[in-house]
Protein backbone atom coordinates (compact mmCIF):
# COMPACT_ATOMS: atom_id res chain seq x y z
CA MET A 1 0.00 0.00 0.00
CA PRO A 2 1.53 3.38 -0.98
CA SER A 3 2.54 5.75 1.79
CA LEU A 4 -0.04 8.49 2.34
CA ARG A 5 1.02 12.08 1.64
CA ILE A 6 0.08 14.19 4.67
CA ALA A 7 0.78 17.92 4.86
CA VAL A 8 0.84 19.93 8.09
CA ILE A 9 -0.69 23.39 8.09
CA GLY A 10 0.86 25.48 10.84
CA ALA A 11 4.39 25.02 12.16
CA GLY A 12 3.82 25.97 15.78
CA GLN A 13 4.34 23.69 18.77
CA ILE A 14 1.56 21.18 18.03
CA GLY A 15 2.30 21.35 14.29
CA ARG A 16 5.90 20.37 14.95
CA THR A 17 4.70 17.49 17.12
CA HIS A 18 2.57 16.19 14.25
CA ILE A 19 5.49 16.62 11.85
CA ALA A 20 7.72 14.49 14.07
CA LEU A 21 5.07 11.77 14.37
CA ILE A 22 4.53 11.68 10.60
CA GLY A 23 8.28 11.40 10.13
CA ALA A 24 8.36 8.31 12.33
CA SER A 25 5.34 6.64 10.68
CA SER A 26 5.47 3.70 8.29
CA GLU A 27 1.98 4.47 6.92
CA CYS A 28 2.47 8.05 5.79
CA HIS A 29 5.10 10.65 5.05
CA LEU A 30 5.35 14.41 5.32
CA ALA A 31 4.34 15.81 1.96
CA ALA A 32 4.64 19.53 2.68
CA ILE A 33 4.41 22.28 5.28
CA ALA A 34 2.20 25.34 4.87
CA ASP A 35 3.02 28.22 7.18
CA PRO A 36 3.42 31.93 6.37
CA THR A 37 6.35 32.50 8.72
CA ALA A 38 10.09 32.36 8.07
CA ALA A 39 10.33 29.70 10.77
CA GLY A 40 7.83 27.55 8.87
CA ARG A 41 9.77 27.94 5.65
CA GLN A 42 13.01 27.03 7.46
CA LEU A 43 11.41 23.94 8.97
CA ALA A 44 10.28 22.78 5.53
CA ALA A 45 13.83 23.22 4.26
CA GLU A 46 15.18 21.20 7.20
CA ARG A 47 12.65 18.45 6.51
CA GLN A 48 13.40 18.64 2.79
CA VAL A 49 9.74 19.00 1.83
CA PRO A 50 7.92 21.65 -0.22
CA TRP A 51 6.90 24.84 1.57
CA PHE A 52 3.73 26.80 0.91
CA PRO A 53 2.67 30.13 2.39
CA SER A 54 -0.94 29.00 2.83
CA LEU A 55 -3.35 26.08 2.73
CA GLU A 56 -4.83 27.54 -0.45
CA ALA A 57 -1.47 27.42 -2.23
CA LEU A 58 -0.86 23.86 -1.06
CA LEU A 59 -4.25 22.64 -2.26
CA ALA A 60 -3.79 24.37 -5.61
CA ALA A 61 -0.55 22.43 -6.07
CA GLY A 62 -2.22 19.08 -5.27
CA ALA A 63 0.61 18.40 -2.86
CA ALA A 64 -1.15 16.12 -0.34
CA ASP A 65 -3.69 13.32 0.13
CA ALA A 66 -4.74 14.79 3.49
CA VAL A 67 -3.82 17.62 5.85
CA ILE A 68 -3.49 18.31 9.55
CA LEU A 69 -4.79 21.76 10.51
CA ALA A 70 -2.59 22.97 13.37
CA THR A 71 -3.38 26.64 12.81
CA PRO A 72 -4.84 29.30 15.18
CA ASN A 73 -8.39 28.53 16.32
CA PRO A 74 -10.19 31.18 14.18
CA LEU A 75 -8.78 29.54 11.05
CA HIS A 76 -10.06 26.03 11.79
CA VAL A 77 -13.51 26.39 10.26
CA PRO A 78 -12.65 28.27 7.04
CA GLU A 79 -9.68 25.96 6.42
CA ALA A 80 -11.71 22.82 7.12
CA ILE A 81 -14.43 24.01 4.72
CA ARG A 82 -11.78 24.64 2.07
CA CYS A 83 -10.56 21.05 2.55
CA LEU A 84 -14.11 19.76 2.11
CA GLU A 85 -14.43 21.74 -1.10
CA ALA A 86 -11.13 20.32 -2.35
CA GLY A 87 -12.05 16.74 -1.40
CA ILE A 88 -9.12 16.50 1.03
CA PRO A 89 -9.58 14.73 4.42
CA ALA A 90 -8.40 16.81 7.39
CA LEU A 91 -7.49 16.38 11.02
CA ILE A 92 -8.56 19.58 12.80
CA GLU A 93 -6.74 20.39 16.02
CA LYS A 94 -9.02 21.12 18.96
CA PRO A 95 -11.08 23.14 19.50
CA VAL A 96 -12.96 22.38 16.31
CA ALA A 97 -13.93 26.07 16.10
CA HIS A 98 -13.40 29.29 18.03
CA SER A 99 -17.15 29.59 18.69
CA VAL A 100 -20.22 27.37 18.72
CA ALA A 101 -21.77 29.41 15.90
CA GLU A 102 -18.75 28.78 13.69
CA GLY A 103 -18.74 25.10 14.71
CA GLU A 104 -22.37 24.77 13.65
CA ARG A 105 -21.48 26.28 10.28
CA LEU A 106 -18.77 23.64 9.82
CA LEU A 107 -21.05 20.84 11.02
CA ALA A 108 -23.64 21.66 8.36
CA ARG A 109 -21.00 21.53 5.64
CA ALA A 110 -19.28 18.42 7.03
CA GLU A 111 -22.46 16.34 7.30
CA ALA A 112 -23.39 17.22 3.74
CA SER A 113 -20.00 16.07 2.41
CA PRO A 114 -18.50 12.58 1.91
CA VAL A 115 -15.04 13.95 2.82
CA PRO A 116 -14.08 12.88 6.36
CA LEU A 117 -12.96 15.31 9.07
CA LEU A 118 -11.33 14.10 12.28
CA VAL A 119 -11.15 16.42 15.32
CA GLY A 120 -7.93 16.26 17.33
CA HIS A 121 -9.20 15.34 20.78
CA HIS A 122 -6.30 12.93 20.99
CA ARG A 123 -7.11 11.52 24.44
CA MET A 124 -9.94 9.56 22.84
CA HIS A 125 -7.16 7.41 21.35
CA SER A 126 -5.64 6.64 24.77
CA PRO A 127 -5.67 2.97 25.79
CA LEU A 128 -6.21 4.14 29.39
CA MET A 129 -9.52 5.69 28.38
CA ALA A 130 -10.50 2.50 26.55
CA GLN A 131 -9.63 0.41 29.63
CA ALA A 132 -11.69 2.64 31.91
CA ARG A 133 -14.63 2.58 29.52
CA ALA A 134 -14.46 -1.23 29.36
CA VAL A 135 -14.82 -1.42 33.15
CA ILE A 136 -17.88 0.82 33.01
CA ASP A 137 -19.42 -1.06 30.07
CA ALA A 138 -18.95 -4.37 31.91
CA GLY A 139 -21.32 -3.09 34.63
CA SER A 140 -18.66 -3.22 37.33
CA LEU A 141 -19.75 0.13 38.77
CA GLY A 142 -23.49 -0.47 38.50
CA GLU A 143 -25.43 2.72 37.81
CA LEU A 144 -23.22 5.80 37.82
CA VAL A 145 -23.91 8.08 40.79
CA ALA A 146 -21.13 10.66 40.87
CA VAL A 147 -17.82 11.63 39.31
CA SER A 148 -15.11 13.96 40.57
CA GLY A 149 -12.21 15.18 38.52
CA SER A 150 -9.30 17.57 38.56
CA ALA A 151 -6.79 19.25 36.32
CA LEU A 152 -4.52 20.91 38.86
CA PHE A 153 -1.07 21.94 37.65
CA TYR A 154 1.33 24.89 37.59
CA LYS A 155 2.19 26.70 34.36
CA PRO A 156 5.47 28.62 34.61
CA ASP A 157 5.59 32.37 34.02
CA ASP A 158 7.31 32.02 30.64
CA TYR A 159 4.26 30.12 29.37
CA PHE A 160 2.48 33.47 29.39
CA SER A 161 5.35 35.82 28.54
CA SER A 162 6.28 33.79 25.45
CA ALA A 163 2.70 33.97 24.12
CA PRO A 164 0.88 37.06 25.46
CA TRP A 165 -2.43 35.96 23.87
CA ARG A 166 -2.65 33.43 26.72
CA THR A 167 -3.20 36.32 29.13
CA ARG A 168 -6.31 37.51 27.28
CA PRO A 169 -9.86 36.10 26.99
CA GLY A 170 -9.83 32.76 25.19
CA GLY A 171 -6.28 31.97 26.29
CA GLY A 172 -7.13 30.64 29.75
CA PRO A 173 -7.33 27.05 30.96
CA ILE A 174 -11.08 26.68 30.31
CA LEU A 175 -10.62 26.66 26.54
CA ILE A 176 -7.01 25.44 26.40
CA ASN A 177 -7.17 22.64 28.98
CA LEU A 178 -10.71 21.96 30.20
CA ILE A 179 -12.00 21.11 26.72
CA HIS A 180 -9.88 17.92 26.87
CA GLU A 181 -11.51 16.98 30.17
CA ILE A 182 -14.98 17.55 28.76
CA GLY A 183 -14.22 15.05 26.00
CA ASN A 184 -13.04 12.52 28.59
CA LEU A 185 -16.03 13.00 30.86
CA ARG A 186 -18.53 12.68 28.01
CA TYR A 187 -16.79 9.49 26.85
CA LEU A 188 -16.80 7.92 30.33
CA CYS A 189 -20.02 9.27 31.82
CA GLY A 190 -22.33 10.21 28.96
CA GLU A 191 -23.80 13.51 27.83
CA ILE A 192 -23.61 16.58 30.05
CA THR A 193 -27.02 18.25 30.38
CA ALA A 194 -26.34 21.20 32.70
CA VAL A 195 -23.42 23.06 34.28
CA GLN A 196 -22.72 25.54 37.07
CA ALA A 197 -19.34 27.20 37.55
CA MET A 198 -17.25 29.72 39.47
CA ALA A 199 -14.01 31.18 38.11
CA SER A 200 -11.24 33.23 39.70
CA HIS A 201 -8.17 35.08 38.47
CA THR A 202 -6.99 36.11 41.95
CA ARG A 203 -3.64 34.31 41.98
CA ARG A 204 -2.18 35.45 38.65
CA GLY A 205 -4.22 38.63 38.29
CA LEU A 206 -4.47 38.24 34.52
CA MET A 207 -7.52 38.98 32.36
CA VAL A 208 -8.14 35.23 32.08
CA GLU A 209 -9.19 32.76 34.73
CA ASP A 210 -6.58 30.75 36.62
CA THR A 211 -8.89 28.61 38.78
CA VAL A 212 -12.35 27.19 38.07
CA ALA A 213 -14.83 25.01 39.96
CA VAL A 214 -17.47 23.29 37.85
CA SER A 215 -20.56 21.21 38.66
CA PHE A 216 -22.12 18.91 36.06
CA ALA A 217 -25.41 17.09 35.56
CA PHE A 218 -25.34 14.09 33.24
CA ALA A 219 -28.17 12.62 31.19
CA SER A 220 -28.00 9.44 33.30
CA GLY A 221 -28.90 11.41 36.44
CA ALA A 222 -25.34 11.30 37.77
CA LEU A 223 -23.72 14.46 39.11
CA GLY A 224 -20.11 15.58 38.86
CA SER A 225 -17.61 18.13 40.08
CA PHE A 226 -14.35 19.31 38.58
CA LEU A 227 -11.50 21.54 39.80
CA LEU A 228 -9.27 23.26 37.25
CA SER A 229 -6.26 25.47 37.97
CA ASP A 230 -3.07 26.35 36.15
CA THR A 231 -1.58 27.98 39.25
CA ALA A 232 -1.85 25.03 41.66
CA ALA A 233 1.24 23.18 42.87
CA SER A 234 -0.37 19.78 42.34
CA GLY A 235 0.12 16.66 40.24
CA ARG A 236 -3.55 15.78 39.80
CA SER A 237 -3.96 16.31 36.09
CA TRP A 238 -4.20 13.93 33.14
CA GLU A 239 -0.80 14.95 31.80
CA GLN A 240 0.87 14.29 35.16
CA THR A 241 -0.88 10.99 35.90
CA ALA A 242 -1.43 9.24 32.56
CA ARG A 243 2.31 8.89 31.77
CA GLU A 244 1.63 9.31 28.06
CA ASN A 245 3.77 12.39 27.39
CA PRO A 246 7.39 12.29 28.59
CA ASP A 247 7.56 16.10 28.52
CA TYR A 248 5.64 16.21 31.81
CA ALA A 249 6.71 15.16 35.30
CA THR A 250 4.49 12.26 36.36
CA TYR A 251 3.10 10.91 39.61
CA PRO A 252 1.92 7.29 39.21
CA ASP A 253 0.28 7.26 42.65
CA GLU A 254 -2.13 10.07 41.74
CA ASP A 255 -5.50 9.97 39.97
CA CYS A 256 -7.39 12.73 38.23
CA TYR A 257 -10.85 11.10 37.96
CA HIS A 258 -12.94 9.10 40.41
CA LEU A 259 -16.19 7.50 39.20
CA ALA A 260 -18.60 6.09 41.77
CA GLY A 261 -21.56 3.86 41.01
CA THR A 262 -24.10 1.83 42.94
CA LEU A 263 -21.88 -1.29 42.89
CA GLY A 264 -18.34 0.04 42.86
CA SER A 265 -15.94 2.86 42.11
CA LEU A 266 -13.07 3.35 39.67
CA SER A 267 -10.10 5.69 39.90
CA VAL A 268 -8.47 6.81 36.66
CA PRO A 269 -5.79 6.48 35.36
CA THR A 270 -4.51 4.04 38.01
CA LEU A 271 -7.56 1.84 37.22
CA ARG A 272 -8.11 0.98 40.88
CA LEU A 273 -11.51 -0.68 41.22
CA LYS A 274 -13.33 -1.10 44.54
CA ARG A 275 -16.42 -3.33 44.89
CA TYR A 276 -18.33 -5.06 47.66
CA PRO A 277 -17.78 -8.86 47.61
CA ASP A 278 -21.54 -9.39 47.80
CA PRO A 279 -23.62 -6.88 45.81
CA GLU A 280 -26.55 -7.62 48.13
CA GLN A 281 -24.51 -6.61 51.17
CA ARG A 282 -23.44 -3.02 50.59
CA SER A 283 -22.71 -0.73 53.51
CA TRP A 284 -20.08 1.76 54.56
CA TRP A 285 -19.60 -0.49 57.60
CA LEU A 286 -18.40 -3.32 55.36
CA PRO A 287 -15.02 -3.47 53.56
CA MET A 288 -14.80 -3.43 49.79
CA GLU A 289 -12.45 -5.52 47.71
CA SER A 290 -9.85 -3.66 45.71
CA THR A 291 -8.30 -4.72 42.40
CA VAL A 292 -5.94 -2.90 40.08
CA GLN A 293 -5.84 -3.41 36.34
CA GLU A 294 -2.42 -2.94 34.73
CA PRO A 295 -2.63 0.37 32.83
CA ARG A 296 -1.47 0.43 29.21
CA HIS A 297 0.61 3.46 28.27
CA THR A 298 1.09 4.54 24.67
CA ASP A 299 1.26 7.90 22.92
CA PRO A 300 -2.36 8.82 21.99
CA LEU A 301 -1.13 11.32 19.38
CA GLN A 302 0.66 8.49 17.61
CA ALA A 303 -2.45 6.31 17.86
CA GLN A 304 -4.50 9.22 16.50
CA LEU A 305 -2.22 9.43 13.45
CA VAL A 306 -2.65 5.70 12.79
CA HIS A 307 -6.42 6.17 13.04
CA PHE A 308 -6.29 9.19 10.73
CA CYS A 309 -4.47 7.12 8.11
CA ARG A 310 -7.26 4.54 8.30
CA VAL A 311 -9.84 7.33 7.95
CA ILE A 312 -8.04 8.69 4.88
CA ARG A 313 -8.03 5.23 3.28
CA GLY A 314 -11.76 4.86 3.96
CA GLU A 315 -11.26 1.93 6.35
CA THR A 316 -13.06 3.51 9.31
CA ARG A 317 -15.08 6.55 10.34
CA PRO A 318 -13.56 9.36 12.46
CA LEU A 319 -13.54 8.41 16.14
CA VAL A 320 -14.05 12.08 17.05
CA SER A 321 -16.40 13.72 14.55
CA VAL A 322 -17.14 17.41 14.03
CA ARG A 323 -20.37 16.82 15.96
CA ASP A 324 -18.38 15.45 18.93
CA GLY A 325 -15.92 18.32 18.83
CA LEU A 326 -18.77 20.81 18.64
CA GLN A 327 -20.53 19.28 21.65
CA ASN A 328 -17.33 19.61 23.69
CA LEU A 329 -17.21 23.28 22.68
CA ARG A 330 -20.89 23.76 23.60
CA VAL A 331 -20.14 22.54 27.13
CA ILE A 332 -17.14 24.85 27.35
CA GLU A 333 -19.20 27.87 26.27
CA ALA A 334 -21.85 26.88 28.83
CA ILE A 335 -19.18 26.79 31.57
CA VAL A 336 -17.96 30.26 30.59
CA ALA A 337 -21.53 31.57 30.62
CA ALA A 338 -22.27 29.94 33.98
CA SER A 339 -19.11 31.38 35.55
CA GLN A 340 -20.08 34.86 34.35
CA SER A 341 -23.77 34.74 35.28
CA GLY A 342 -23.63 32.67 38.45
CA SER A 343 -26.58 30.66 37.11
CA GLN A 344 -27.03 27.09 35.96
CA VAL A 345 -26.82 26.70 32.18
CA ASP A 346 -28.98 24.01 30.60
CA LEU A 347 -27.51 22.09 27.65
CA ARG A 348 -30.60 20.09 26.75
CA TYR A 349 -32.18 21.04 23.46
């Protein structure tokens, strides 16, 4: 089978990550880089691939079988629509759009087109998520009652000074980090039907939030809570517990999610399961049995690229569709609205 020609649009941090993964793949190769900057042109020269100043120029040259859109958020929708028009499959980095209204515009075009679009919520390709979901699907927890989660970590000062847009609305952890967690929670617990939230920027004093507390209602009737902060000296985040990205310090004794049901509870990503020996004898006076499943650790971005190659070849449908990516964004916008209004925001429609 011939190697697929994949071009990367955008040579920033995540674009460079995709370029490295493509370079190590046996299923595809880097066909070109499109980026208007001198740094992008230099990277293309280093990789010995054609350089284009824009997606439009690349598509006009017929230089790729598929593209990865690693460009700024406001460009995601117009570029994805251009790919649909050109008949070129695309992987769109998250968020799928910079607003729900723009995401709905893309959804209408995507669902009317045979050209596949994959949204880059890469954690959906994590074997840890699949293992946790298998425990839930097996009925080991019974009916889900409650879930608690956290993304507590400390971003250094140069994270903000090197990219000042991160200090302004839209650059805070709700959109940058929490959207990943929403994808995880929807995958594990089902659809989110309502949210309440409080946000603070007291510690950093920037225009964007640094700490957020969120409450969720799920379609199943379960309730959830989540703590998010990028100024907390803590290791309770997916990046620091999942051991999937070597760039982060990790703490294998920590968890970032705890799911509790009527029959048992599961901590993720350690996959510690607690259940009563006799389901008919459940009481806080009685001890539960504890088992630990051996977690599987692989790079979900690499797994996502393998999946994208299968999508390009028409062997499977996108695991994360535009509709999925849009729903994650809807929840995020609801959390922002709830934190600003102090009211519950209903997501049922």
